[in-house]
Amino acid sequence: MIRTFLFLLGFGFTVIGFMYIVAYLNLLTMGYTFMEYLMFIFKRLECLLGLVGLIIVTVTIFCKGDNDNAIHI
């Protein structure tokens, strides 16, 4: 049950984070260089949620559960 919650939490963080990253692509049309764009992305907390979400999802998928009869992909 906790793994399902963590997976959904990580998925939500990933969606929110990458939504902001795509939305901030409009900065490139306003004259920002690609390096300035990347520096802006790394400074924004909501964009870092995308990376945190990917880490949470990866951990919940690949870490072994404590139930011996669990099905692992």
PDB file of N, CA and C in Angstrom:
ATOM      1  N   MET A   1       0.829  -1.197   0.000  1.00  0.00           N
ATOM      2  CA  MET A   1       0.000   0.000   0.000  1.00  0.00           C
ATOM      3  C   MET A   1       0.871   1.258   0.000  1.00  0.00           C
ATOM      4  N   ILE A   2       1.947   1.240   0.783  1.00  0.00           N
ATOM      5  CA  ILE A   2       2.821   2.404   0.844  1.00  0.00           C
ATOM      6  C   ILE A   2       3.561   2.599  -0.475  1.00  0.00           C
ATOM      7  N   ARG A   3       3.905   1.486  -1.144  1.00  0.00           N
ATOM      8  CA  ARG A   3       4.585   1.604  -2.442  1.00  0.00           C
ATOM      9  C   ARG A   3       3.659   2.204  -3.483  1.00  0.00           C
ATOM     10  N   THR A   4       2.392   1.867  -3.436  1.00  0.00           N
ATOM     11  CA  THR A   4       1.427   2.458  -4.374  1.00  0.00           C
ATOM     12  C   THR A   4       1.313   3.951  -4.134  1.00  0.00           C
ATOM     13  N   PHE A   5       1.243   4.344  -2.870  1.00  0.00           N
ATOM     14  CA  PHE A   5       1.170   5.771  -2.545  1.00  0.00           C
ATOM     15  C   PHE A   5       2.419   6.501  -3.018  1.00  0.00           C
ATOM     16  N   LEU A   6       3.595   5.937  -2.758  1.00  0.00           N
ATOM     17  CA  LEU A   6       4.843   6.574  -3.186  1.00  0.00           C
ATOM     18  C   LEU A   6       4.940   6.649  -4.704  1.00  0.00           C
ATOM     19  N   PHE A   7       4.479   5.604  -5.392  1.00  0.00           N
ATOM     20  CA  PHE A   7       4.490   5.628  -6.852  1.00  0.00           C
ATOM     21  C   PHE A   7       3.603   6.750  -7.384  1.00  0.00           C
ATOM     22  N   LEU A   8       2.395   6.867  -6.846  1.00  0.00           N
ATOM     23  CA  LEU A   8       1.488   7.914  -7.300  1.00  0.00           C
ATOM     24  C   LEU A   8       2.002   9.305  -6.939  1.00  0.00           C
ATOM     25  N   LEU A   9       2.621   9.440  -5.773  1.00  0.00           N
ATOM     26  CA  LEU A   9       3.218  10.712  -5.387  1.00  0.00           C
ATOM     27  C   LEU A   9       4.357  11.086  -6.340  1.00  0.00           C
ATOM     28  N   GLY A  10       5.216  10.128  -6.639  1.00  0.00           N
ATOM     29  CA  GLY A  10       6.311  10.365  -7.572  1.00  0.00           C
ATOM     30  C   GLY A  10       5.812  10.693  -8.963  1.00  0.00           C
ATOM     31  N   PHE A  11       4.770  10.009  -9.394  1.00  0.00           N
ATOM     32  CA  PHE A  11       4.190  10.286 -10.705  1.00  0.00           C
ATOM     33  C   PHE A  11       3.617  11.704 -10.755  1.00  0.00           C
ATOM     34  N   GLY A  12       2.945  12.111  -9.693  1.00  0.00           N
ATOM     35  CA  GLY A  12       2.402  13.466  -9.630  1.00  0.00           C
ATOM     36  C   GLY A  12       3.498  14.518  -9.646  1.00  0.00           C
ATOM     37  N   PHE A  13       4.564  14.292  -8.883  1.00  0.00           N
ATOM     38  CA  PHE A  13       5.702  15.220  -8.888  1.00  0.00           C
ATOM     39  C   PHE A  13       6.320  15.315 -10.272  1.00  0.00           C
ATOM     40  N   THR A  14       6.442  14.175 -10.951  1.00  0.00           N
ATOM     41  CA  THR A  14       7.030  14.163 -12.285  1.00  0.00           C
ATOM     42  C   THR A  14       6.181  14.965 -13.260  1.00  0.00           C
ATOM     43  N   VAL A  15       4.880  14.773 -13.213  1.00  0.00           N
ATOM     44  CA  VAL A  15       3.983  15.499 -14.114  1.00  0.00           C
ATOM     45  C   VAL A  15       4.059  17.000 -13.849  1.00  0.00           C
ATOM     46  N   ILE A  16       4.015  17.393 -12.592  1.00  0.00           N
ATOM     47  CA  ILE A  16       4.075  18.819 -12.250  1.00  0.00           C
ATOM     48  C   ILE A  16       5.407  19.421 -12.686  1.00  0.00           C
ATOM     49  N   GLY A  17       6.499  18.743 -12.387  1.00  0.00           N
ATOM     50  CA  GLY A  17       7.819  19.262 -12.715  1.00  0.00           C
ATOM     51  C   GLY A  17       8.030  19.435 -14.203  1.00  0.00           C
ATOM     52  N   PHE A  18       7.697  18.418 -14.977  1.00  0.00           N
ATOM     53  CA  PHE A  18       7.925  18.508 -16.412  1.00  0.00           C
ATOM     54  C   PHE A  18       6.917  19.425 -17.096  1.00  0.00           C
ATOM     55  N   MET A  19       5.752  19.611 -16.503  1.00  0.00           N
ATOM     56  CA  MET A  19       4.808  20.590 -17.036  1.00  0.00           C
ATOM     57  C   MET A  19       5.407  21.996 -16.945  1.00  0.00           C
ATOM     58  N   TYR A  20       6.030  22.306 -15.818  1.00  0.00           N
ATOM     59  CA  TYR A  20       6.673  23.614 -15.665  1.00  0.00           C
ATOM     60  C   TYR A  20       7.880  23.761 -16.592  1.00  0.00           C
ATOM     61  N   ILE A  21       8.637  22.688 -16.772  1.00  0.00           N
ATOM     62  CA  ILE A  21       9.792  22.755 -17.670  1.00  0.00           C
ATOM     63  C   ILE A  21       9.342  23.068 -19.090  1.00  0.00           C
ATOM     64  N   VAL A  22       8.274  22.439 -19.535  1.00  0.00           N
ATOM     65  CA  VAL A  22       7.749  22.714 -20.876  1.00  0.00           C
ATOM     66  C   VAL A  22       7.176  24.117 -20.940  1.00  0.00           C
ATOM     67  N   ALA A  23       6.495  24.550 -19.901  1.00  0.00           N
ATOM     68  CA  ALA A  23       5.923  25.899 -19.901  1.00  0.00           C
ATOM     69  C   ALA A  23       7.008  26.963 -19.944  1.00  0.00           C
ATOM     70  N   TYR A  24       8.119  26.716 -19.268  1.00  0.00           N
ATOM     71  CA  TYR A  24       9.212  27.682 -19.248  1.00  0.00           C
ATOM     72  C   TYR A  24      10.016  27.684 -20.544  1.00  0.00           C
ATOM     73  N   LEU A  25       9.710  26.792 -21.476  1.00  0.00           N
ATOM     74  CA  LEU A  25      10.366  26.840 -22.779  1.00  0.00           C
ATOM     75  C   LEU A  25      10.051  28.140 -23.516  1.00  0.00           C
ATOM     76  N   ASN A  26       8.985  28.813 -23.123  1.00  0.00           N
ATOM     77  CA  ASN A  26       8.656  30.100 -23.731  1.00  0.00           C
ATOM     78  C   ASN A  26       9.731  31.148 -23.469  1.00  0.00           C
ATOM     79  N   LEU A  27      10.573  30.932 -22.470  1.00  0.00           N
ATOM     80  CA  LEU A  27      11.665  31.866 -22.206  1.00  0.00           C
ATOM     81  C   LEU A  27      12.657  31.911 -23.363  1.00  0.00           C
ATOM     82  N   LEU A  28      12.775  30.813 -24.090  1.00  0.00           N
ATOM     83  CA  LEU A  28      13.678  30.793 -25.235  1.00  0.00           C
ATOM     84  C   LEU A  28      13.205  31.741 -26.331  1.00  0.00           C
ATOM     85  N   THR A  29      11.900  31.879 -26.481  1.00  0.00           N
ATOM     86  CA  THR A  29      11.384  32.794 -27.502  1.00  0.00           C
ATOM     87  C   THR A  29      11.498  34.251 -27.065  1.00  0.00           C
ATOM     88  N   MET A  30      11.729  34.481 -25.782  1.00  0.00           N
ATOM     89  CA  MET A  30      11.864  35.844 -25.274  1.00  0.00           C
ATOM     90  C   MET A  30      13.311  36.320 -25.267  1.00  0.00           C
ATOM     91  N   GLY A  31      14.231  35.509 -25.796  1.00  0.00           N
ATOM     92  CA  GLY A  31      15.606  35.949 -25.916  1.00  0.00           C
ATOM     93  C   GLY A  31      16.587  35.284 -24.984  1.00  0.00           C
ATOM     94  N   TYR A  32      16.153  34.378 -24.142  1.00  0.00           N
ATOM     95  CA  TYR A  32      17.080  33.651 -23.273  1.00  0.00           C
ATOM     96  C   TYR A  32      17.902  32.688 -24.116  1.00  0.00           C
ATOM     97  N   THR A  33      19.166  32.515 -23.766  1.00  0.00           N
ATOM     98  CA  THR A  33      19.958  31.472 -24.410  1.00  0.00           C
ATOM     99  C   THR A  33      19.625  30.143 -23.740  1.00  0.00           C
ATOM    100  N   PHE A  34      20.081  29.065 -24.365  1.00  0.00           N
ATOM    101  CA  PHE A  34      19.774  27.749 -23.811  1.00  0.00           C
ATOM    102  C   PHE A  34      20.434  27.549 -22.450  1.00  0.00           C
ATOM    103  N   MET A  35      21.646  28.060 -22.286  1.00  0.00           N
ATOM    104  CA  MET A  35      22.331  27.940 -20.990  1.00  0.00           C
ATOM    105  C   MET A  35      21.617  28.759 -19.913  1.00  0.00           C
ATOM    106  N   GLU A  36      21.137  29.943 -20.247  1.00  0.00           N
ATOM    107  CA  GLU A  36      20.363  30.733 -19.284  1.00  0.00           C
ATOM    108  C   GLU A  36      19.076  30.020 -18.907  1.00  0.00           C
ATOM    109  N   TYR A  37      18.459  29.375 -19.892  1.00  0.00           N
ATOM    110  CA  TYR A  37      17.242  28.598 -19.640  1.00  0.00           C
ATOM    111  C   TYR A  37      17.529  27.463 -18.664  1.00  0.00           C
ATOM    112  N   LEU A  38      18.624  26.721 -18.900  1.00  0.00           N
ATOM    113  CA  LEU A  38      18.969  25.618 -18.013  1.00  0.00           C
ATOM    114  C   LEU A  38      19.271  26.096 -16.598  1.00  0.00           C
ATOM    115  N   MET A  39      19.984  27.203 -16.487  1.00  0.00           N
ATOM    116  CA  MET A  39      20.277  27.757 -15.157  1.00  0.00           C
ATOM    117  C   MET A  39      18.997  28.183 -14.445  1.00  0.00           C
ATOM    118  N   PHE A  40      18.043  28.739 -15.189  1.00  0.00           N
ATOM    119  CA  PHE A  40      16.762  29.126 -14.610  1.00  0.00           C
ATOM    120  C   PHE A  40      15.995  27.896 -14.125  1.00  0.00           C
ATOM    121  N   ILE A  41      15.998  26.830 -14.925  1.00  0.00           N
ATOM    122  CA  ILE A  41      15.283  25.598 -14.581  1.00  0.00           C
ATOM    123  C   ILE A  41      15.858  24.977 -13.309  1.00  0.00           C
ATOM    124  N   PHE A  42      17.185  24.961 -13.199  1.00  0.00           N
ATOM    125  CA  PHE A  42      17.806  24.329 -12.034  1.00  0.00           C
ATOM    126  C   PHE A  42      17.590  25.125 -10.757  1.00  0.00           C
ATOM    127  N   LYS A  43      17.238  26.400 -10.873  1.00  0.00           N
ATOM    128  CA  LYS A  43      17.001  27.225  -9.686  1.00  0.00           C
ATOM    129  C   LYS A  43      15.550  27.190  -9.217  1.00  0.00           C
ATOM    130  N   ARG A  44      14.657  26.667 -10.035  1.00  0.00           N
ATOM    131  CA  ARG A  44      13.235  26.660  -9.688  1.00  0.00           C
ATOM    132  C   ARG A  44      12.857  25.360  -8.986  1.00  0.00           C
ATOM    133  N   LEU A  45      12.223  25.475  -7.832  1.00  0.00           N
ATOM    134  CA  LEU A  45      11.856  24.305  -7.042  1.00  0.00           C
ATOM    135  C   LEU A  45      10.827  23.439  -7.761  1.00  0.00           C
ATOM    136  N   GLU A  46       9.853  24.064  -8.417  1.00  0.00           N
ATOM    137  CA  GLU A  46       8.807  23.278  -9.064  1.00  0.00           C
ATOM    138  C   GLU A  46       9.350  22.472 -10.238  1.00  0.00           C
ATOM    139  N   CYS A  47      10.444  22.916 -10.837  1.00  0.00           N
ATOM    140  CA  CYS A  47      11.053  22.147 -11.920  1.00  0.00           C
ATOM    141  C   CYS A  47      11.868  20.980 -11.367  1.00  0.00           C
ATOM    142  N   LEU A  48      12.450  21.162 -10.211  1.00  0.00           N
ATOM    143  CA  LEU A  48      13.203  20.073  -9.586  1.00  0.00           C
ATOM    144  C   LEU A  48      12.295  18.950  -9.097  1.00  0.00           C
ATOM    145  N   LEU A  49      11.004  19.245  -8.939  1.00  0.00           N
ATOM    146  CA  LEU A  49      10.062  18.190  -8.560  1.00  0.00           C
ATOM    147  C   LEU A  49      10.003  17.091  -9.616  1.00  0.00           C
ATOM    148  N   GLY A  50      10.263  17.451 -10.870  1.00  0.00           N
ATOM    149  CA  GLY A  50      10.281  16.446 -11.933  1.00  0.00           C
ATOM    150  C   GLY A  50      11.363  15.408 -11.698  1.00  0.00           C
ATOM    151  N   LEU A  51      12.539  15.854 -11.329  1.00  0.00           N
ATOM    152  CA  LEU A  51      13.643  14.921 -11.059  1.00  0.00           C
ATOM    153  C   LEU A  51      13.399  14.119  -9.786  1.00  0.00           C
ATOM    154  N   VAL A  52      12.880  14.779  -8.756  1.00  0.00           N
ATOM    155  CA  VAL A  52      12.559  14.083  -7.512  1.00  0.00           C
ATOM    156  C   VAL A  52      11.493  13.020  -7.765  1.00  0.00           C
ATOM    157  N   GLY A  53      10.505  13.356  -8.566  1.00  0.00           N
ATOM    158  CA  GLY A  53       9.455  12.401  -8.904  1.00  0.00           C
ATOM    159  C   GLY A  53       9.985  11.194  -9.653  1.00  0.00           C
ATOM    160  N   LEU A  54      10.908  11.429 -10.598  1.00  0.00           N
ATOM    161  CA  LEU A  54      11.502  10.305 -11.325  1.00  0.00           C
ATOM    162  C   LEU A  54      12.293   9.394 -10.394  1.00  0.00           C
ATOM    163  N   ILE A  55      12.981   9.970  -9.443  1.00  0.00           N
ATOM    164  CA  ILE A  55      13.744   9.168  -8.484  1.00  0.00           C
ATOM    165  C   ILE A  55      12.799   8.338  -7.621  1.00  0.00           C
ATOM    166  N   ILE A  56      11.716   8.949  -7.139  1.00  0.00           N
ATOM    167  CA  ILE A  56      10.748   8.217  -6.302  1.00  0.00           C
ATOM    168  C   ILE A  56      10.110   7.076  -7.080  1.00  0.00           C
ATOM    169  N   VAL A  57       9.718   7.329  -8.326  1.00  0.00           N
ATOM    170  CA  VAL A  57       9.099   6.285  -9.148  1.00  0.00           C
ATOM    171  C   VAL A  57      10.090   5.153  -9.399  1.00  0.00           C
ATOM    172  N   THR A  58      11.335   5.487  -9.711  1.00  0.00           N
ATOM    173  CA  THR A  58      12.345   4.463  -9.962  1.00  0.00           C
ATOM    174  C   THR A  58      12.596   3.610  -8.725  1.00  0.00           C
ATOM    175  N   VAL A  59      12.671   4.254  -7.570  1.00  0.00           N
ATOM    176  CA  VAL A  59      12.905   3.505  -6.328  1.00  0.00           C
ATOM    177  C   VAL A  59      11.727   2.589  -6.023  1.00  0.00           C
ATOM    178  N   THR A  60      10.513   3.067  -6.194  1.00  0.00           N
ATOM    179  CA  THR A  60       9.356   2.222  -5.876  1.00  0.00           C
ATOM    180  C   THR A  60       9.199   1.071  -6.857  1.00  0.00           C
ATOM    181  N   ILE A  61       9.663   1.232  -8.083  1.00  0.00           N
ATOM    182  CA  ILE A  61       9.542   0.137  -9.051  1.00  0.00           C
ATOM    183  C   ILE A  61      10.621  -0.913  -8.830  1.00  0.00           C
ATOM    184  N   PHE A  62      11.861  -0.482  -8.610  1.00  0.00           N
ATOM    185  CA  PHE A  62      12.967  -1.429  -8.615  1.00  0.00           C
ATOM    186  C   PHE A  62      13.402  -1.923  -7.244  1.00  0.00           C
ATOM    187  N   CYS A  63      12.965  -1.315  -6.163  1.00  0.00           N
ATOM    188  CA  CYS A  63      13.327  -1.825  -4.835  1.00  0.00           C
ATOM    189  C   CYS A  63      12.412  -2.980  -4.461  1.00  0.00           C
ATOM    190  N   LYS A  64      13.022  -3.997  -3.871  1.00  0.00           N
ATOM    191  CA  LYS A  64      12.263  -5.184  -3.506  1.00  0.00           C
ATOM    192  C   LYS A  64      11.377  -4.886  -2.305  1.00  0.00           C
ATOM    193  N   GLY A  65      10.151  -5.354  -2.370  1.00  0.00           N
ATOM    194  CA  GLY A  65       9.223  -5.182  -1.264  1.00  0.00           C
ATOM    195  C   GLY A  65       9.510  -6.180  -0.150  1.00  0.00           C
ATOM    196  N   ASP A  66       8.841  -6.023   0.987  1.00  0.00           N
ATOM    197  CA  ASP A  66       9.084  -6.917   2.102  1.00  0.00           C
ATOM    198  C   ASP A  66       8.197  -8.164   2.066  1.00  0.00           C
ATOM    199  N   ASN A  67       7.310  -8.257   1.088  1.00  0.00           N
ATOM    200  CA  ASN A  67       6.458  -9.440   0.937  1.00  0.00           C
ATOM    201  C   ASN A  67       7.170 -10.420   0.019  1.00  0.00           C
ATOM    202  N   ASP A  68       7.362 -11.661   0.474  1.00  0.00           N
ATOM    203  CA  ASP A  68       8.081 -12.652  -0.323  1.00  0.00           C
ATOM    204  C   ASP A  68       7.292 -13.100  -1.547  1.00  0.00           C
ATOM    205  N   ASN A  69       5.981 -12.965  -1.514  1.00  0.00           N
ATOM    206  CA  ASN A  69       5.140 -13.414  -2.626  1.00  0.00           C
ATOM    207  C   ASN A  69       4.828 -12.283  -3.604  1.00  0.00           C
ATOM    208  N   ALA A  70       5.500 -11.171  -3.479  1.00  0.00           N
ATOM    209  CA  ALA A  70       5.227 -10.041  -4.365  1.00  0.00           C
ATOM    210  C   ALA A  70       5.753 -10.315  -5.767  1.00  0.00           C
ATOM    211  N   ILE A  71       5.062  -9.782  -6.737  1.00  0.00           N
ATOM    212  CA  ILE A  71       5.474  -9.926  -8.135  1.00  0.00           C
ATOM    213  C   ILE A  71       6.356  -8.744  -8.482  1.00  0.00           C
ATOM    214  N   HIS A  72       7.556  -9.004  -9.012  1.00  0.00           N
ATOM    215  CA  HIS A  72       8.498  -7.954  -9.375  1.00  0.00           C
ATOM    216  C   HIS A  72       8.705  -7.969 -10.882  1.00  0.00           C
ATOM    217  N   ILE A  73       8.748  -6.812 -11.454  1.00  0.00           N
ATOM    218  CA  ILE A  73       8.963  -6.704 -12.906  1.00  0.00           C
ATOM    219  C   ILE A  73      10.439  -6.622 -13.183  1.00  0.00           C
TER     220      ILE A  73
END
